[in-house]
Each structure stands twice: as structure tokens, then as C-alpha cells.
Amino acid sequence: MIKVTSIAAAVLAVACSPAVFAADLLVTQADASNKSGRVSVSLDIASSGEVSGFQFILRGEGEMKPGSVDTSKCLADLPKGFSGGCRQNADGIYFFALASSKATLPSGIVSLGTLSLPAELAKTQFVVDQLEMINAEAEVISSSNQVVR
């Protein structure tokens, strides 16, 4: 289970950031593995209430063995009215989601879902690449990201 202190630290860091963003992607890696030896990664968006869709790639160090990351719950917590998906390739995990109407994510911290990594990827430092968030008019809005361990 991901420590609440890690999530709180990420939220505080985003809140104290001098730059103003419409949304911040938060990727939080657990410190320890669960009983099955897998490590959980939590995905959240700190939203100002403008996000209607997003896409990004989560990249690790080196190649990832195809099928090694359990992506079945990657966007399981998306609010009603949103659909999306994720797919693991050797070079990273690709994410996308979009509202089915002109809906937006609510203001505040919105959970997207989780990933389950094999133990050998527990020490991998992930980076977010090609992050783009859009509003209900399909305009790109300002965004940032933060990966927390």
C-alpha cells in the first residue's frame, strides 16, 4: 500500500509550486512490494477543474518486458463520463483518456488508477513523457508532472 505521507508530500509540493498549472499529474511509487512481490504505482491528477482529456507516456530505465506490468487497473478510477486506456510497450506505458461529452474532471485530487509492477522494476525511476492535457474545447492546457517514491 502506498504511504499516505508520500501522497501528502506530493500534494504539498504541487500546491507550493511557484508555477500555475491547470493540472498536475502525480505518479506515486510504493516503497515496498506486496505479498505477491509486486510493487504498486498510483496515478492521480491534481485538477483545477478544466481537464477534459489527457495523454502521456510513463517511461522507465531501459526496456520493459512486454506484459510485465499489470495495467488492468491503470484507469479504473476515472469518473463516469470518461473513457480511456493504457498499453505497455517495450519503451513505456502509454495512457489516454477523454470525456464522452464536454465534461471535465472535478477540482482537487482525482484518482485515475494503479499499475502493478514486478519486483525487478521496483527500483526503476520513472519519468513522464509527452504529457498533454486538454479542456472541453480541445485546447491544450498548462500541465506538469511529478514522480514521487
N, C-alpha and C. Protein backbone atom coordinates (compact mmCIF):
# COMPACT_ATOMS: atom_id res chain seq x y z
N MET A 1 0.84 -1.18 0.00
CA MET A 1 0.00 0.00 0.00
C MET A 1 0.88 1.24 0.00
N ILE A 2 0.50 2.22 -0.76
CA ILE A 2 1.29 3.43 -0.87
C ILE A 2 1.08 4.25 0.40
N LYS A 3 2.17 4.76 0.92
CA LYS A 3 2.10 5.52 2.15
C LYS A 3 1.38 6.84 1.93
N VAL A 4 0.51 7.18 2.87
CA VAL A 4 -0.24 8.43 2.81
C VAL A 4 0.73 9.61 2.84
N THR A 5 1.85 9.47 3.53
CA THR A 5 2.81 10.57 3.62
C THR A 5 3.42 10.90 2.27
N SER A 6 3.63 9.89 1.43
CA SER A 6 4.16 10.14 0.08
C SER A 6 3.18 10.95 -0.75
N ILE A 7 1.90 10.57 -0.67
CA ILE A 7 0.87 11.30 -1.41
C ILE A 7 0.73 12.71 -0.85
N ALA A 8 0.74 12.84 0.46
CA ALA A 8 0.63 14.17 1.08
C ALA A 8 1.81 15.05 0.68
N ALA A 9 2.99 14.48 0.63
CA ALA A 9 4.18 15.25 0.23
C ALA A 9 4.06 15.70 -1.21
N ALA A 10 3.55 14.83 -2.08
CA ALA A 10 3.38 15.21 -3.49
C ALA A 10 2.35 16.32 -3.64
N VAL A 11 1.25 16.21 -2.91
CA VAL A 11 0.21 17.25 -2.98
C VAL A 11 0.75 18.57 -2.47
N LEU A 12 1.50 18.54 -1.37
CA LEU A 12 2.09 19.75 -0.81
C LEU A 12 3.09 20.36 -1.78
N ALA A 13 3.91 19.54 -2.41
CA ALA A 13 4.88 20.05 -3.38
C ALA A 13 4.20 20.72 -4.55
N VAL A 14 3.12 20.13 -5.03
CA VAL A 14 2.37 20.73 -6.14
C VAL A 14 1.72 22.03 -5.70
N ALA A 15 1.15 22.04 -4.51
CA ALA A 15 0.48 23.24 -4.01
C ALA A 15 1.45 24.39 -3.77
N CYS A 16 2.68 24.09 -3.40
CA CYS A 16 3.67 25.12 -3.11
C CYS A 16 4.48 25.52 -4.34
N SER A 17 4.21 24.90 -5.46
CA SER A 17 4.95 25.20 -6.68
C SER A 17 4.69 26.62 -7.13
N PRO A 18 5.74 27.37 -7.51
CA PRO A 18 5.55 28.75 -7.93
C PRO A 18 4.83 28.88 -9.27
N ALA A 19 4.91 27.87 -10.12
CA ALA A 19 4.24 27.94 -11.42
C ALA A 19 2.76 27.61 -11.25
N VAL A 20 1.93 28.19 -12.10
CA VAL A 20 0.50 27.93 -12.04
C VAL A 20 0.14 27.01 -13.20
N PHE A 21 -0.44 25.86 -12.87
CA PHE A 21 -0.84 24.89 -13.88
C PHE A 21 -2.31 24.56 -13.70
N ALA A 22 -2.97 24.22 -14.79
CA ALA A 22 -4.36 23.82 -14.73
C ALA A 22 -4.49 22.41 -14.18
N ALA A 23 -3.42 21.62 -14.33
CA ALA A 23 -3.44 20.25 -13.84
C ALA A 23 -2.02 19.73 -13.65
N ASP A 24 -1.88 18.86 -12.67
CA ASP A 24 -0.60 18.22 -12.38
C ASP A 24 -0.83 16.72 -12.30
N LEU A 25 -0.04 15.97 -13.03
CA LEU A 25 -0.09 14.52 -12.97
C LEU A 25 0.84 14.07 -11.86
N LEU A 26 0.33 13.24 -10.95
CA LEU A 26 1.12 12.72 -9.83
C LEU A 26 1.27 11.21 -9.99
N VAL A 27 2.51 10.74 -10.06
CA VAL A 27 2.80 9.32 -10.16
C VAL A 27 3.53 8.95 -8.87
N THR A 28 2.93 8.07 -8.06
CA THR A 28 3.50 7.73 -6.76
C THR A 28 3.84 6.25 -6.71
N GLN A 29 5.13 5.95 -6.56
CA GLN A 29 5.59 4.57 -6.45
C GLN A 29 5.66 4.17 -4.99
N ALA A 30 5.16 2.97 -4.67
CA ALA A 30 5.23 2.44 -3.32
C ALA A 30 6.68 2.12 -2.97
N ASP A 31 6.99 2.19 -1.69
CA ASP A 31 8.34 1.89 -1.23
C ASP A 31 8.62 0.40 -1.16
N ALA A 32 7.59 -0.39 -0.93
CA ALA A 32 7.80 -1.82 -0.72
C ALA A 32 6.81 -2.62 -1.56
N SER A 33 7.16 -3.88 -1.76
CA SER A 33 6.28 -4.76 -2.54
C SER A 33 5.21 -5.37 -1.64
N ASN A 34 4.12 -5.83 -2.28
CA ASN A 34 3.07 -6.50 -1.52
C ASN A 34 3.40 -7.99 -1.37
N LYS A 35 2.45 -8.77 -0.88
CA LYS A 35 2.70 -10.19 -0.61
C LYS A 35 3.09 -10.97 -1.86
N SER A 36 2.60 -10.55 -3.01
CA SER A 36 2.92 -11.27 -4.25
C SER A 36 4.28 -10.85 -4.81
N GLY A 37 4.95 -9.90 -4.18
CA GLY A 37 6.25 -9.44 -4.65
C GLY A 37 6.14 -8.32 -5.67
N ARG A 38 4.92 -7.85 -5.93
CA ARG A 38 4.72 -6.78 -6.92
C ARG A 38 4.67 -5.43 -6.20
N VAL A 39 4.98 -4.38 -6.95
CA VAL A 39 5.01 -3.02 -6.43
C VAL A 39 3.89 -2.22 -7.08
N SER A 40 3.19 -1.43 -6.28
CA SER A 40 2.07 -0.64 -6.77
C SER A 40 2.50 0.79 -7.12
N VAL A 41 1.93 1.32 -8.20
CA VAL A 41 2.15 2.70 -8.60
C VAL A 41 0.77 3.35 -8.72
N SER A 42 0.59 4.46 -8.05
CA SER A 42 -0.67 5.18 -8.05
C SER A 42 -0.60 6.35 -9.03
N LEU A 43 -1.69 6.58 -9.77
CA LEU A 43 -1.77 7.67 -10.74
C LEU A 43 -2.92 8.61 -10.35
N ASP A 44 -2.61 9.89 -10.17
CA ASP A 44 -3.60 10.88 -9.78
C ASP A 44 -3.40 12.16 -10.58
N ILE A 45 -4.45 12.96 -10.69
CA ILE A 45 -4.35 14.29 -11.29
C ILE A 45 -4.85 15.30 -10.27
N ALA A 46 -4.03 16.33 -10.02
CA ALA A 46 -4.46 17.48 -9.22
C ALA A 46 -5.02 18.47 -10.24
N SER A 47 -6.34 18.59 -10.27
CA SER A 47 -7.02 19.35 -11.32
C SER A 47 -7.63 20.64 -10.81
N SER A 48 -7.59 21.66 -11.65
CA SER A 48 -8.28 22.92 -11.33
C SER A 48 -9.71 22.89 -11.85
N GLY A 49 -10.12 21.77 -12.43
CA GLY A 49 -11.47 21.62 -12.94
C GLY A 49 -11.60 21.86 -14.43
N GLU A 50 -10.48 21.93 -15.15
CA GLU A 50 -10.51 22.20 -16.60
C GLU A 50 -10.22 20.99 -17.46
N VAL A 51 -9.72 19.89 -16.89
CA VAL A 51 -9.23 18.75 -17.68
C VAL A 51 -10.40 17.93 -18.25
N SER A 52 -10.42 17.83 -19.58
CA SER A 52 -11.44 17.03 -20.27
C SER A 52 -10.81 15.81 -20.95
N GLY A 53 -9.49 15.81 -21.05
CA GLY A 53 -8.78 14.68 -21.64
C GLY A 53 -7.29 14.80 -21.40
N PHE A 54 -6.58 13.68 -21.55
CA PHE A 54 -5.13 13.70 -21.36
C PHE A 54 -4.49 12.53 -22.07
N GLN A 55 -3.19 12.67 -22.27
CA GLN A 55 -2.35 11.58 -22.78
C GLN A 55 -0.95 11.77 -22.24
N PHE A 56 -0.25 10.66 -22.01
CA PHE A 56 1.15 10.72 -21.58
C PHE A 56 1.76 9.34 -21.70
N ILE A 57 3.08 9.30 -21.61
CA ILE A 57 3.82 8.04 -21.61
C ILE A 57 4.63 7.99 -20.32
N LEU A 58 4.56 6.88 -19.62
CA LEU A 58 5.37 6.65 -18.43
C LEU A 58 6.53 5.76 -18.85
N ARG A 59 7.74 6.31 -18.80
CA ARG A 59 8.93 5.58 -19.26
C ARG A 59 9.81 5.21 -18.07
N GLY A 60 10.39 4.02 -18.15
CA GLY A 60 11.34 3.57 -17.15
C GLY A 60 12.73 3.53 -17.74
N GLU A 61 13.67 3.07 -16.95
CA GLU A 61 15.05 2.93 -17.40
C GLU A 61 15.15 1.65 -18.23
N GLY A 62 15.59 1.77 -19.46
CA GLY A 62 15.73 0.59 -20.31
C GLY A 62 14.39 0.07 -20.81
N GLU A 63 14.42 -1.12 -21.39
CA GLU A 63 13.21 -1.72 -21.94
C GLU A 63 12.44 -2.47 -20.87
N MET A 64 11.11 -2.49 -21.03
CA MET A 64 10.25 -3.26 -20.14
C MET A 64 9.78 -4.50 -20.88
N LYS A 65 9.91 -5.63 -20.25
CA LYS A 65 9.47 -6.88 -20.85
C LYS A 65 7.96 -6.78 -21.12
N PRO A 66 7.53 -7.04 -22.36
CA PRO A 66 6.09 -6.96 -22.68
C PRO A 66 5.26 -7.83 -21.74
N GLY A 67 4.19 -7.26 -21.23
CA GLY A 67 3.30 -7.97 -20.32
C GLY A 67 3.76 -8.01 -18.87
N SER A 68 4.90 -7.41 -18.56
CA SER A 68 5.41 -7.48 -17.19
C SER A 68 4.66 -6.55 -16.23
N VAL A 69 4.06 -5.48 -16.76
CA VAL A 69 3.32 -4.54 -15.93
C VAL A 69 1.83 -4.85 -16.05
N ASP A 70 1.17 -4.99 -14.90
CA ASP A 70 -0.28 -5.23 -14.90
C ASP A 70 -0.97 -3.88 -15.05
N THR A 71 -1.57 -3.65 -16.21
CA THR A 71 -2.24 -2.38 -16.50
C THR A 71 -3.77 -2.49 -16.39
N SER A 72 -4.26 -3.59 -15.84
CA SER A 72 -5.71 -3.83 -15.81
C SER A 72 -6.48 -2.79 -14.99
N LYS A 73 -5.81 -2.11 -14.07
CA LYS A 73 -6.47 -1.09 -13.24
C LYS A 73 -5.89 0.30 -13.48
N CYS A 74 -5.22 0.48 -14.62
CA CYS A 74 -4.49 1.73 -14.87
C CYS A 74 -5.39 2.96 -14.86
N LEU A 75 -6.61 2.85 -15.35
CA LEU A 75 -7.55 3.98 -15.35
C LEU A 75 -8.90 3.56 -14.75
N ALA A 76 -8.85 2.63 -13.81
CA ALA A 76 -10.06 2.08 -13.20
C ALA A 76 -10.86 3.10 -12.39
N ASP A 77 -10.22 4.17 -11.94
CA ASP A 77 -10.90 5.15 -11.09
C ASP A 77 -11.38 6.38 -11.84
N LEU A 78 -11.28 6.38 -13.17
CA LEU A 78 -11.76 7.53 -13.95
C LEU A 78 -13.24 7.78 -13.62
N PRO A 79 -13.62 9.04 -13.47
CA PRO A 79 -15.02 9.34 -13.19
C PRO A 79 -15.95 8.92 -14.33
N LYS A 80 -17.22 8.76 -14.00
CA LYS A 80 -18.23 8.43 -15.00
C LYS A 80 -18.22 9.50 -16.09
N GLY A 81 -18.39 9.08 -17.32
CA GLY A 81 -18.37 10.00 -18.45
C GLY A 81 -17.01 10.11 -19.12
N PHE A 82 -16.01 9.44 -18.55
CA PHE A 82 -14.66 9.41 -19.14
C PHE A 82 -14.35 7.99 -19.57
N SER A 83 -13.62 7.86 -20.65
CA SER A 83 -13.13 6.54 -21.06
C SER A 83 -11.69 6.70 -21.51
N GLY A 84 -10.97 5.62 -21.45
CA GLY A 84 -9.56 5.68 -21.83
C GLY A 84 -8.93 4.32 -21.73
N GLY A 85 -7.64 4.31 -21.85
CA GLY A 85 -6.93 3.06 -21.77
C GLY A 85 -5.44 3.28 -21.62
N CYS A 86 -4.74 2.19 -21.44
CA CYS A 86 -3.29 2.24 -21.37
C CYS A 86 -2.75 0.95 -21.97
N ARG A 87 -1.55 1.06 -22.45
CA ARG A 87 -0.93 -0.07 -23.12
C ARG A 87 0.56 -0.04 -22.86
N GLN A 88 1.11 -1.19 -22.51
CA GLN A 88 2.54 -1.29 -22.28
C GLN A 88 3.24 -1.71 -23.55
N ASN A 89 4.27 -0.98 -23.91
CA ASN A 89 5.19 -1.35 -24.97
C ASN A 89 6.57 -1.49 -24.34
N ALA A 90 7.55 -1.93 -25.09
CA ALA A 90 8.90 -2.09 -24.56
C ALA A 90 9.50 -0.76 -24.10
N ASP A 91 9.08 0.34 -24.72
CA ASP A 91 9.65 1.65 -24.38
C ASP A 91 8.86 2.43 -23.34
N GLY A 92 7.73 1.92 -22.86
CA GLY A 92 6.96 2.63 -21.85
C GLY A 92 5.51 2.21 -21.81
N ILE A 93 4.75 2.89 -20.96
CA ILE A 93 3.33 2.62 -20.81
C ILE A 93 2.59 3.85 -21.30
N TYR A 94 1.73 3.68 -22.29
CA TYR A 94 1.01 4.77 -22.93
C TYR A 94 -0.39 4.89 -22.31
N PHE A 95 -0.78 6.12 -21.95
CA PHE A 95 -2.08 6.39 -21.34
C PHE A 95 -2.84 7.41 -22.16
N PHE A 96 -4.17 7.27 -22.21
CA PHE A 96 -5.03 8.29 -22.81
C PHE A 96 -6.42 8.19 -22.19
N ALA A 97 -7.09 9.31 -22.09
CA ALA A 97 -8.47 9.34 -21.61
C ALA A 97 -9.14 10.60 -22.14
N LEU A 98 -10.46 10.51 -22.31
CA LEU A 98 -11.23 11.62 -22.86
C LEU A 98 -12.65 11.55 -22.34
N ALA A 99 -13.23 12.71 -22.09
CA ALA A 99 -14.62 12.77 -21.68
C ALA A 99 -15.51 12.47 -22.88
N SER A 100 -16.63 11.79 -22.65
CA SER A 100 -17.53 11.47 -23.75
C SER A 100 -18.40 12.66 -24.14
N SER A 101 -18.40 13.69 -23.32
CA SER A 101 -19.09 14.94 -23.63
C SER A 101 -18.14 16.06 -23.25
N LYS A 102 -18.65 17.22 -23.00
CA LYS A 102 -17.78 18.33 -22.61
C LYS A 102 -17.55 18.35 -21.10
N ALA A 103 -17.56 17.19 -20.48
CA ALA A 103 -17.33 17.07 -19.05
C ALA A 103 -15.87 17.34 -18.72
N THR A 104 -15.60 17.68 -17.48
CA THR A 104 -14.23 17.87 -17.01
C THR A 104 -14.04 17.12 -15.69
N LEU A 105 -12.81 16.83 -15.38
CA LEU A 105 -12.51 16.24 -14.08
C LEU A 105 -12.82 17.28 -13.00
N PRO A 106 -13.31 16.86 -11.85
CA PRO A 106 -13.59 17.83 -10.79
C PRO A 106 -12.32 18.47 -10.25
N SER A 107 -12.46 19.61 -9.61
CA SER A 107 -11.31 20.26 -8.97
C SER A 107 -10.83 19.40 -7.81
N GLY A 108 -9.53 19.41 -7.59
CA GLY A 108 -8.94 18.65 -6.49
C GLY A 108 -8.15 17.47 -7.01
N ILE A 109 -7.84 16.55 -6.10
CA ILE A 109 -7.08 15.35 -6.45
C ILE A 109 -8.05 14.29 -6.97
N VAL A 110 -7.81 13.85 -8.19
CA VAL A 110 -8.66 12.84 -8.83
C VAL A 110 -7.81 11.60 -9.08
N SER A 111 -8.22 10.48 -8.49
CA SER A 111 -7.51 9.22 -8.70
C SER A 111 -7.84 8.69 -10.09
N LEU A 112 -6.81 8.25 -10.81
CA LEU A 112 -7.00 7.66 -12.12
C LEU A 112 -7.01 6.14 -12.03
N GLY A 113 -6.08 5.58 -11.27
CA GLY A 113 -5.96 4.14 -11.14
C GLY A 113 -4.58 3.75 -10.65
N THR A 114 -4.25 2.48 -10.84
CA THR A 114 -2.97 1.97 -10.35
C THR A 114 -2.34 1.03 -11.37
N LEU A 115 -1.05 0.86 -11.25
CA LEU A 115 -0.28 -0.12 -12.00
C LEU A 115 0.32 -1.09 -11.01
N SER A 116 0.58 -2.30 -11.43
CA SER A 116 1.26 -3.28 -10.60
C SER A 116 2.52 -3.72 -11.33
N LEU A 117 3.67 -3.46 -10.71
CA LEU A 117 4.96 -3.75 -11.33
C LEU A 117 5.58 -5.01 -10.73
N PRO A 118 6.33 -5.77 -11.53
CA PRO A 118 7.06 -6.89 -10.97
C PRO A 118 8.19 -6.38 -10.07
N ALA A 119 8.63 -7.19 -9.15
CA ALA A 119 9.66 -6.80 -8.18
C ALA A 119 10.91 -6.25 -8.85
N GLU A 120 11.28 -6.80 -10.02
CA GLU A 120 12.51 -6.34 -10.68
C GLU A 120 12.41 -4.90 -11.18
N LEU A 121 11.21 -4.35 -11.27
CA LEU A 121 11.04 -2.95 -11.68
C LEU A 121 10.83 -2.01 -10.48
N ALA A 122 10.93 -2.56 -9.27
CA ALA A 122 10.67 -1.76 -8.06
C ALA A 122 11.61 -0.57 -7.92
N LYS A 123 12.84 -0.70 -8.33
CA LYS A 123 13.82 0.38 -8.19
C LYS A 123 13.88 1.30 -9.41
N THR A 124 13.09 0.99 -10.43
CA THR A 124 13.09 1.78 -11.66
C THR A 124 12.63 3.20 -11.39
N GLN A 125 13.38 4.15 -11.89
CA GLN A 125 12.97 5.56 -11.80
C GLN A 125 12.17 5.89 -13.05
N PHE A 126 10.90 6.20 -12.87
CA PHE A 126 10.04 6.53 -14.00
C PHE A 126 10.06 8.02 -14.29
N VAL A 127 9.84 8.35 -15.55
CA VAL A 127 9.67 9.74 -15.97
C VAL A 127 8.42 9.80 -16.85
N VAL A 128 7.78 10.96 -16.84
CA VAL A 128 6.60 11.18 -17.66
C VAL A 128 7.05 11.90 -18.93
N ASP A 129 6.60 11.41 -20.07
CA ASP A 129 6.97 11.97 -21.36
C ASP A 129 5.70 12.30 -22.14
N GLN A 130 5.77 13.33 -22.96
CA GLN A 130 4.71 13.73 -23.87
C GLN A 130 3.36 13.95 -23.17
N LEU A 131 3.39 14.55 -21.99
CA LEU A 131 2.15 14.86 -21.26
C LEU A 131 1.40 15.98 -21.95
N GLU A 132 0.15 15.74 -22.24
CA GLU A 132 -0.73 16.76 -22.80
C GLU A 132 -2.11 16.62 -22.18
N MET A 133 -2.63 17.72 -21.69
CA MET A 133 -3.99 17.75 -21.16
C MET A 133 -4.79 18.77 -21.95
N ILE A 134 -6.08 18.47 -22.16
CA ILE A 134 -6.93 19.38 -22.92
C ILE A 134 -8.17 19.75 -22.11
N ASN A 135 -8.77 20.90 -22.47
CA ASN A 135 -10.01 21.31 -21.84
C ASN A 135 -11.19 20.85 -22.70
N ALA A 136 -12.41 21.26 -22.33
CA ALA A 136 -13.61 20.82 -23.03
C ALA A 136 -13.69 21.34 -24.47
N GLU A 137 -12.91 22.37 -24.80
CA GLU A 137 -12.87 22.90 -26.16
C GLU A 137 -11.72 22.30 -26.98
N ALA A 138 -11.10 21.24 -26.45
CA ALA A 138 -9.98 20.54 -27.08
C ALA A 138 -8.75 21.41 -27.22
N GLU A 139 -8.60 22.39 -26.34
CA GLU A 139 -7.41 23.24 -26.32
C GLU A 139 -6.43 22.68 -25.30
N VAL A 140 -5.15 22.68 -25.65
CA VAL A 140 -4.14 22.21 -24.72
C VAL A 140 -4.05 23.18 -23.55
N ILE A 141 -4.05 22.65 -22.34
CA ILE A 141 -3.94 23.49 -21.14
C ILE A 141 -2.60 23.23 -20.46
N SER A 142 -2.18 24.16 -19.63
CA SER A 142 -0.89 24.03 -18.95
C SER A 142 -0.94 22.87 -17.95
N SER A 143 0.12 22.12 -17.93
CA SER A 143 0.19 20.97 -17.02
C SER A 143 1.62 20.68 -16.65
N SER A 144 1.79 19.93 -15.59
CA SER A 144 3.11 19.50 -15.16
C SER A 144 2.97 18.08 -14.61
N ASN A 145 4.08 17.51 -14.19
CA ASN A 145 4.03 16.18 -13.61
C ASN A 145 5.06 16.05 -12.52
N GLN A 146 4.82 15.08 -11.66
CA GLN A 146 5.74 14.81 -10.57
C GLN A 146 5.71 13.33 -10.27
N VAL A 147 6.90 12.71 -10.23
CA VAL A 147 7.02 11.30 -9.88
C VAL A 147 7.61 11.24 -8.48
N VAL A 148 6.87 10.56 -7.57
CA VAL A 148 7.27 10.51 -6.15
C VAL A 148 7.49 9.06 -5.76
N ARG A 149 8.52 8.81 -4.99
CA ARG A 149 8.78 7.47 -4.45
C ARG A 149 8.36 7.42 -3.01
